[in-house]
């Protein structure tokens, strides 16, 4: 199944999960790979997971989960192969 084109909110969540921020150079993308959604982002993250762009990781207290970008998700936001490889080192399955 080919995922649908991510919308802007989805792209922002993927970039945050992969370490994108105002103070982070593009060359550093992939140094992390985790995202804990708040209540407002949960539905969007679950959509990303259904489309294969993120995967659910470990469970946290209060019915919260850590999510990780998949290889497809990392490539969708422009990570190069070396950055994707680095990002996948940080995935922790449940």
Protein backbone atom coordinates (compact mmCIF):
# COMPACT_ATOMS: atom_id res chain seq x y z
CA UNK A 1 0.00 0.00 0.00
CA UNK A 2 1.36 3.41 -0.95
CA UNK A 3 0.76 6.06 1.71
CA UNK A 4 -1.14 9.17 0.76
CA UNK A 5 0.84 12.39 0.50
CA UNK A 6 1.37 13.70 4.04
CA UNK A 7 -0.35 16.93 4.91
CA UNK A 8 1.57 19.80 6.47
CA UNK A 9 0.69 18.84 10.05
CA UNK A 10 1.86 15.29 9.39
CA UNK A 11 5.13 16.55 7.91
CA UNK A 12 5.71 18.77 10.94
CA UNK A 13 5.18 15.83 13.32
CA UNK A 14 7.54 13.61 11.33
CA UNK A 15 10.19 16.34 11.26
CA UNK A 16 9.89 16.88 15.02
CA UNK A 17 10.18 13.16 15.65
CA UNK A 18 13.37 13.11 13.59
CA UNK A 19 14.97 16.05 15.37
CA UNK A 20 14.07 18.97 13.15
CA UNK A 21 13.91 22.25 14.99
CA UNK A 22 14.82 25.87 14.56
CA UNK A 23 18.26 25.32 16.04
CA UNK A 24 19.02 22.03 14.28
CA UNK A 25 20.97 21.98 11.02
CA UNK A 26 19.53 19.81 8.24
CA UNK A 27 22.66 17.65 8.42
CA UNK A 28 21.66 16.60 11.96
CA UNK A 29 18.23 15.23 11.00
CA UNK A 30 17.83 11.66 12.16
CA UNK A 31 19.83 12.10 15.37
CA UNK A 32 16.65 11.16 17.21
CA UNK A 33 13.48 9.32 16.28
CA UNK A 34 10.71 9.66 18.83
CA UNK A 35 7.49 11.57 19.30
CA UNK A 36 5.00 11.51 22.17
CA UNK A 37 1.79 13.10 20.92
CA UNK A 38 -0.36 15.29 23.08
CA UNK A 39 -4.15 14.99 22.92
CA UNK A 40 -4.38 17.35 19.93
CA UNK A 41 -1.89 15.36 17.83
CA UNK A 42 -2.94 11.82 18.70
CA UNK A 43 -5.34 11.35 15.77
CA UNK A 44 -2.78 12.69 13.30
CA UNK A 45 -0.06 10.36 14.65
CA UNK A 46 -2.41 7.38 14.49
CA UNK A 47 -3.12 8.27 10.85
CA UNK A 48 0.62 8.38 10.17
CA UNK A 49 0.95 4.94 11.78
CA UNK A 50 -1.91 3.48 9.69
CA UNK A 51 -0.23 4.83 6.54
CA UNK A 52 3.11 3.28 7.45
CA UNK A 53 4.91 6.57 8.13
CA UNK A 54 5.21 6.01 11.90
CA UNK A 55 5.14 3.02 14.21
CA UNK A 56 4.04 2.75 17.81
CA UNK A 57 6.85 2.12 20.27
CA UNK A 58 6.79 1.71 24.03
CA UNK A 59 3.82 2.51 26.22
CA UNK A 60 4.07 5.28 28.78
CA UNK A 61 1.86 5.93 31.82
CA UNK A 62 -1.63 7.38 31.33
CA UNK A 63 -2.34 5.57 28.04
CA UNK A 64 0.38 7.44 26.15
CA UNK A 65 2.77 5.97 23.60
CA UNK A 66 6.08 6.84 22.03
CA UNK A 67 5.92 6.80 18.22
CA UNK A 68 8.80 6.52 15.77
CA UNK A 69 9.10 7.49 12.11
CA UNK A 70 9.55 4.54 9.76
CA UNK A 71 11.99 4.49 6.87
CA UNK A 72 9.13 5.55 4.59
CA UNK A 73 8.28 8.44 6.93
CA UNK A 74 11.90 9.56 7.16
CA UNK A 75 12.28 9.55 3.38
CA UNK A 76 8.95 11.38 2.99
CA UNK A 77 10.36 14.41 4.83
CA UNK A 78 13.61 14.42 2.89
CA UNK A 79 16.17 12.55 4.96
CA UNK A 80 19.04 11.17 2.90
CA UNK A 81 20.02 7.47 3.18
CA UNK A 82 22.65 8.09 5.90
CA UNK A 83 20.15 10.11 7.96
CA UNK A 84 17.49 7.42 7.54
CA UNK A 85 19.96 4.77 8.74
CA UNK A 86 20.82 6.89 11.79
CA UNK A 87 17.13 7.53 12.57
CA UNK A 88 16.30 3.81 12.44
CA UNK A 89 18.90 3.13 15.18
CA UNK A 90 16.63 5.03 17.57
CA UNK A 91 13.45 2.98 17.07
CA UNK A 92 12.31 1.01 20.11
CA UNK A 93 9.50 -1.44 19.52
CA UNK A 94 6.89 -2.16 22.15
